[in-house]
Amino acid sequence: MEILTSIAEMQIAARELRRGGTLALVPTMGALHAGHLSLIAAAKRDCTHVAATIFVNPLQFGPNEDFNRYPRTFEADCAALTAAGVDILFAPSAEMMIPDGATTFVEVGGISDRLDGAHRPGHFRGVATIVAKLFHIIEPDRAYFGQKDAAQLAVLRAMVHDLNFFVEIVACPIVREPDGLALSSRNRYLTTEQRIRATILHRSLDAAADLHAHGERNSQVLTATMQQMLASEPTVIVEYAAVVDPDTLLPLADTTGSALLAVAARLGETRLIDNHLLGNFE
């Protein structure tokens, strides 16, 4: 696997890969786990070549968030990507991606202020700005993201549509631990007790999804079910439990069509998210 840190070098390398077939992109912030590797596997199935990126994006972290302590495991990540068959890794510095004096940002209006965006002001502006730059630098045919970040997927799909990026956004299923906890780089922050309690996110989604499977379509009932389950763990601080449109992230009155069950909560200083797709997405 070739490792590049220069934008100019990455542009040249990506151009060469595209000449030899289709090019997939898997953007990451490192601290890789099986969820990331499932994206690589899907990309390899679909495309001739796979490029990955590792960039801990300072633009998407708020002033009181975990940028400085976000796990950085570059050597282990490189070994995992090499073993997974990635062709090229782009690992730029913050100075490379966000040059001094930069004043241009990408903001997807409205949708960026919903779900996670409502609790992390400016987060999706940071995500969209850097992902747009990666799309411009690498020009992939397809880009792969995990369904766990459902709000991010909605924002990026809207950005691709509105700005006419010639790239297909591919969402891959959530990868879970045997007890249902969605894999996340932030899971390593959890204490043993918090790790056990964190399964309440998945269990609350399962409870609402089970009601839906048995015919319940009222979003208020499904939301109340998730909230009651989450409230059973008093150390879990709930940010949201919602039933929304997967594309717009707007609340839904009922789930007769496609719908997204979404939850976010904090355990101590660790913020976790999870979701479940209903309807045509199942």
Protein backbone atom coordinates (compact mmCIF):
# COMPACT_ATOMS: atom_id res chain seq x y z
CA MET A 1 0.00 0.00 0.00
CA GLU A 2 1.30 3.41 -0.97
CA ILE A 3 1.02 6.16 1.66
CA LEU A 4 0.81 9.77 0.51
CA THR A 5 0.56 13.01 2.47
CA SER A 6 0.66 15.59 -0.33
CA ILE A 7 -2.48 16.74 -2.13
CA ALA A 8 -0.61 17.11 -5.42
CA GLU A 9 0.82 13.59 -5.16
CA MET A 10 -2.59 12.17 -4.25
CA GLN A 11 -4.23 13.84 -7.24
CA ILE A 12 -1.65 12.30 -9.58
CA ALA A 13 -1.90 8.86 -7.98
CA ALA A 14 -5.72 8.88 -8.03
CA ARG A 15 -5.70 9.89 -11.69
CA GLU A 16 -3.51 6.89 -12.49
CA LEU A 17 -5.77 4.53 -10.56
CA ARG A 18 -8.87 5.82 -12.36
CA ARG A 19 -7.22 5.10 -15.70
CA GLY A 20 -7.00 1.45 -14.70
CA GLY A 21 -10.63 1.05 -13.70
CA THR A 22 -13.09 2.28 -11.08
CA LEU A 23 -11.85 3.95 -7.91
CA ALA A 24 -13.49 3.66 -4.49
CA LEU A 25 -12.86 6.00 -1.58
CA VAL A 26 -13.22 5.11 2.11
CA PRO A 27 -12.72 8.25 4.23
CA THR A 28 -11.84 7.63 7.89
CA MET A 29 -10.43 9.39 10.94
CA GLY A 30 -8.33 6.36 11.80
CA ALA A 31 -8.62 4.24 14.98
CA LEU A 32 -9.91 1.57 12.62
CA HIS A 33 -12.17 -1.31 13.66
CA ALA A 34 -14.16 -4.03 11.92
CA GLY A 35 -16.77 -1.51 10.82
CA HIS A 36 -14.19 0.40 8.78
CA LEU A 37 -12.82 -2.83 7.34
CA SER A 38 -16.33 -3.80 6.21
CA LEU A 39 -16.36 -0.60 4.13
CA ILE A 40 -13.04 -1.61 2.57
CA ALA A 41 -14.41 -5.06 1.78
CA ALA A 42 -17.51 -3.60 0.12
CA ALA A 43 -15.37 -1.17 -1.87
CA LYS A 44 -13.11 -3.98 -3.07
CA ARG A 45 -16.12 -6.00 -4.20
CA ASP A 46 -17.49 -3.10 -6.23
CA CYS A 47 -14.45 -1.31 -7.62
CA THR A 48 -11.10 -2.02 -9.27
CA HIS A 49 -9.06 0.10 -6.86
CA VAL A 50 -9.57 1.35 -3.30
CA ALA A 51 -8.20 4.51 -1.72
CA ALA A 52 -8.59 5.19 1.99
CA THR A 53 -7.95 8.35 3.95
CA ILE A 54 -6.99 8.99 7.55
CA PHE A 55 -7.59 12.53 8.71
CA VAL A 56 -8.77 13.60 12.16
CA ASN A 57 -10.73 16.60 11.01
CA PRO A 58 -10.46 19.53 13.46
CA LEU A 59 -13.27 21.37 11.69
CA GLN A 60 -15.88 18.86 12.86
CA PHE A 61 -15.03 19.06 16.56
CA GLY A 62 -16.57 21.68 18.82
CA PRO A 63 -14.55 23.61 21.43
CA ASN A 64 -15.52 21.22 24.25
CA GLU A 65 -15.29 18.00 22.26
CA ASP A 66 -12.68 15.26 22.14
CA PHE A 67 -10.35 16.31 19.31
CA ASN A 68 -7.16 16.13 21.38
CA ARG A 69 -7.96 12.76 22.91
CA TYR A 70 -9.50 11.21 19.81
CA PRO A 71 -7.63 7.88 19.38
CA ARG A 72 -4.76 7.97 16.91
CA THR A 73 -3.38 4.55 15.97
CA PHE A 74 -1.70 5.27 12.66
CA GLU A 75 0.77 2.36 12.50
CA ALA A 76 -1.87 -0.21 13.42
CA ASP A 77 -4.30 1.40 10.96
CA CYS A 78 -1.75 1.17 8.14
CA ALA A 79 -1.18 -2.50 8.89
CA ALA A 80 -4.94 -3.16 8.84
CA LEU A 81 -5.45 -1.29 5.57
CA THR A 82 -2.53 -3.09 3.94
CA ALA A 83 -3.92 -6.47 5.02
CA ALA A 84 -7.36 -5.47 3.70
CA GLY A 85 -5.91 -4.77 0.25
CA VAL A 86 -6.14 -0.98 0.06
CA ASP A 87 -4.15 0.39 -2.88
CA ILE A 88 -3.35 3.81 -1.54
CA LEU A 89 -3.70 5.74 1.73
CA PHE A 90 -3.99 9.51 1.81
CA ALA A 91 -2.98 10.83 5.24
CA PRO A 92 -2.59 14.61 4.97
CA SER A 93 -1.73 16.99 7.79
CA ALA A 94 -4.19 19.56 9.10
CA GLU A 95 -1.99 22.26 7.55
CA MET A 96 -2.29 20.55 4.18
CA MET A 97 -6.07 20.25 4.27
CA ILE A 98 -6.84 23.53 6.04
CA PRO A 99 -4.23 26.06 4.93
CA ASP A 100 -3.66 29.28 6.86
CA GLY A 101 -6.16 31.93 5.83
CA ALA A 102 -8.72 29.47 4.44
CA THR A 103 -12.17 31.07 4.52
CA THR A 104 -14.20 28.75 2.30
CA PHE A 105 -16.58 26.21 3.83
CA VAL A 106 -19.34 23.90 2.59
CA GLU A 107 -22.57 24.16 4.52
CA VAL A 108 -25.64 22.07 3.74
CA GLY A 109 -28.42 24.30 5.01
CA GLY A 110 -31.24 23.01 7.18
CA ILE A 111 -30.36 19.33 7.25
CA SER A 112 -27.05 20.06 9.01
CA ASP A 113 -28.97 21.43 12.01
CA ARG A 114 -30.97 18.26 12.64
CA LEU A 115 -30.25 15.27 14.88
CA ASP A 116 -26.49 15.37 15.60
CA GLY A 117 -26.22 18.80 14.03
CA ALA A 118 -28.64 20.22 16.60
CA HIS A 119 -26.35 19.09 19.42
CA ARG A 120 -23.03 19.76 17.69
CA PRO A 121 -23.25 23.22 16.05
CA GLY A 122 -20.92 23.51 13.07
CA HIS A 123 -20.13 19.79 13.06
CA PHE A 124 -21.57 19.03 9.65
CA ARG A 125 -20.07 22.15 8.11
CA GLY A 126 -16.70 20.71 9.10
CA VAL A 127 -17.59 17.26 7.75
CA ALA A 128 -18.97 18.56 4.45
CA THR A 129 -16.01 20.90 3.87
CA ILE A 130 -13.38 18.18 4.26
CA VAL A 131 -15.32 15.47 2.43
CA ALA A 132 -15.92 17.88 -0.45
CA LYS A 133 -12.16 18.52 -0.58
CA LEU A 134 -11.46 14.78 -0.60
CA PHE A 135 -13.95 14.27 -3.43
CA HIS A 136 -12.29 17.07 -5.38
CA ILE A 137 -8.76 15.76 -4.77
CA ILE A 138 -9.43 12.07 -5.42
CA GLU A 139 -12.48 12.13 -7.73
CA PRO A 140 -13.68 8.64 -6.76
CA ASP A 141 -16.41 6.79 -8.60
CA ARG A 142 -17.89 5.64 -5.30
CA ALA A 143 -17.44 6.67 -1.66
CA TYR A 144 -18.27 4.33 1.21
CA PHE A 145 -19.67 5.37 4.60
CA GLY A 146 -21.15 3.47 7.53
CA GLN A 147 -24.89 3.54 8.17
CA LYS A 148 -24.14 4.20 11.87
CA ASP A 149 -23.53 7.84 10.88
CA ALA A 150 -27.00 8.19 9.37
CA ALA A 151 -27.21 11.97 9.74
CA GLN A 152 -23.81 12.36 8.10
CA LEU A 153 -24.98 10.20 5.20
CA ALA A 154 -28.03 12.41 4.70
CA VAL A 155 -25.90 15.56 4.73
CA LEU A 156 -23.36 14.17 2.28
CA ARG A 157 -26.01 12.86 -0.09
CA ALA A 158 -27.59 16.31 -0.16
CA MET A 159 -24.18 17.92 -0.79
CA VAL A 160 -23.40 15.54 -3.65
CA HIS A 161 -26.80 16.24 -5.20
CA ASP A 162 -26.69 20.01 -4.77
CA LEU A 163 -23.10 20.48 -5.95
CA ASN A 164 -23.24 17.89 -8.74
CA PHE A 165 -20.36 15.77 -7.53
CA PHE A 166 -19.84 12.85 -9.89
CA VAL A 167 -19.64 10.25 -7.12
CA GLU A 168 -22.01 7.62 -5.76
CA ILE A 169 -22.47 7.58 -1.99
CA VAL A 170 -22.65 3.97 -0.77
CA ALA A 171 -24.01 3.25 2.71
CA CYS A 172 -22.85 0.03 4.37
CA PRO A 173 -24.64 -1.80 7.21
CA ILE A 174 -23.81 -1.13 10.84
CA VAL A 175 -21.32 -3.64 12.26
CA ARG A 176 -22.10 -4.62 15.84
CA GLU A 177 -20.55 -6.39 18.78
CA PRO A 178 -22.21 -9.72 19.73
CA ASP A 179 -24.32 -7.88 22.34
CA GLY A 180 -25.57 -5.38 19.75
CA LEU A 181 -23.41 -2.34 20.52
CA ALA A 182 -22.55 -0.54 17.29
CA LEU A 183 -18.82 -0.48 16.64
CA SER A 184 -17.28 2.95 17.14
CA SER A 185 -13.79 4.28 17.66
CA ARG A 186 -15.16 6.01 20.76
CA ASN A 187 -16.21 2.72 22.40
CA ARG A 188 -12.66 2.43 23.74
CA TYR A 189 -13.39 5.42 25.98
CA LEU A 190 -16.04 3.47 27.91
CA THR A 191 -15.39 1.95 31.30
CA THR A 192 -16.39 -1.68 31.82
CA GLU A 193 -19.63 -0.62 33.48
CA GLN A 194 -20.41 2.00 30.83
CA ARG A 195 -19.74 -0.57 28.12
CA ILE A 196 -22.44 -2.81 29.57
CA ARG A 197 -24.91 0.06 29.94
CA ALA A 198 -24.24 1.30 26.40
CA THR A 199 -26.20 -1.60 24.92
CA ILE A 200 -29.37 0.25 25.92
CA LEU A 201 -29.07 2.30 22.70
CA HIS A 202 -29.38 -0.80 20.54
CA ARG A 203 -32.02 -2.35 22.79
CA SER A 204 -34.19 0.76 22.59
CA LEU A 205 -34.03 0.65 18.79
CA ASP A 206 -34.85 -3.06 18.80
CA ALA A 207 -37.88 -2.47 20.99
CA ALA A 208 -39.28 0.17 18.63
CA ALA A 209 -38.42 -1.88 15.54
CA ASP A 210 -40.23 -4.88 17.04
CA LEU A 211 -43.36 -2.77 17.56
CA HIS A 212 -43.08 -1.61 13.95
CA ALA A 213 -42.73 -5.22 12.77
CA HIS A 214 -45.98 -6.02 14.57
CA GLY A 215 -47.86 -3.21 12.85
CA GLU A 216 -47.28 -0.07 14.92
CA ARG A 217 -46.88 2.95 12.64
CA ASN A 218 -47.42 5.88 15.01
CA SER A 219 -44.10 7.70 15.45
CA GLN A 220 -45.06 9.04 18.86
CA VAL A 221 -45.54 5.50 20.15
CA LEU A 222 -42.23 4.36 18.68
CA THR A 223 -40.43 7.40 20.10
CA ALA A 224 -41.97 6.90 23.53
CA THR A 225 -40.83 3.26 23.48
CA MET A 226 -37.23 4.27 22.79
CA GLN A 227 -37.33 7.00 25.43
CA GLN A 228 -38.73 4.65 28.08
CA MET A 229 -36.06 2.05 27.36
CA LEU A 230 -33.29 4.64 27.49
CA ALA A 231 -34.66 6.06 30.74
CA SER A 232 -34.22 2.63 32.35
CA GLU A 233 -30.47 3.35 32.47
CA PRO A 234 -30.27 6.51 34.63
CA THR A 235 -26.54 7.02 33.96
CA VAL A 236 -27.26 7.33 30.22
CA ILE A 237 -27.90 10.98 29.30
CA VAL A 238 -30.16 11.02 26.24
CA GLU A 239 -29.60 13.68 23.57
CA TYR A 240 -32.33 12.52 21.23
CA ALA A 241 -34.59 9.60 20.36
CA ALA A 242 -36.38 10.32 17.10
CA VAL A 243 -38.27 8.94 14.14
CA VAL A 244 -37.26 10.88 11.04
CA ASP A 245 -37.11 10.80 7.27
CA PRO A 246 -33.77 9.18 6.31
CA ASP A 247 -33.08 11.76 3.61
CA THR A 248 -34.21 15.03 5.20
CA LEU A 249 -33.91 14.07 8.90
CA LEU A 250 -37.26 15.80 9.49
CA PRO A 251 -39.64 14.25 12.05
CA LEU A 252 -42.27 11.85 10.73
CA ALA A 253 -45.81 11.52 12.06
CA ASP A 254 -45.97 7.88 11.03
CA THR A 255 -43.82 5.18 9.49
CA THR A 256 -46.01 4.03 6.62
CA GLY A 257 -43.06 4.77 4.32
CA SER A 258 -39.32 4.61 4.91
CA ALA A 259 -38.20 5.88 8.31
CA LEU A 260 -35.12 6.13 10.47
CA LEU A 261 -35.16 5.34 14.19
CA ALA A 262 -32.25 7.30 15.65
CA VAL A 263 -30.79 7.71 19.14
CA ALA A 264 -27.86 9.56 20.68
CA ALA A 265 -26.72 9.52 24.28
CA ARG A 266 -23.78 10.22 26.53
CA LEU A 267 -22.19 7.88 29.02
CA GLY A 268 -19.86 10.00 31.10
CA GLU A 269 -17.84 12.02 28.59
CA THR A 270 -18.48 9.62 25.71
CA ARG A 271 -21.12 10.36 23.09
CA LEU A 272 -22.60 7.41 21.20
CA ILE A 273 -25.10 7.20 18.34
CA ASP A 274 -27.09 4.38 16.77
CA ASN A 275 -30.00 3.92 14.39
CA HIS A 276 -32.27 1.47 12.63
CA LEU A 277 -33.84 1.82 9.18
CA LEU A 278 -37.48 0.87 8.66
CA GLY A 279 -39.60 0.34 5.57
CA ASN A 280 -38.13 0.23 2.08
CA PHE A 281 -34.57 0.34 3.45
CA GLU A 282 -34.88 -2.91 5.42
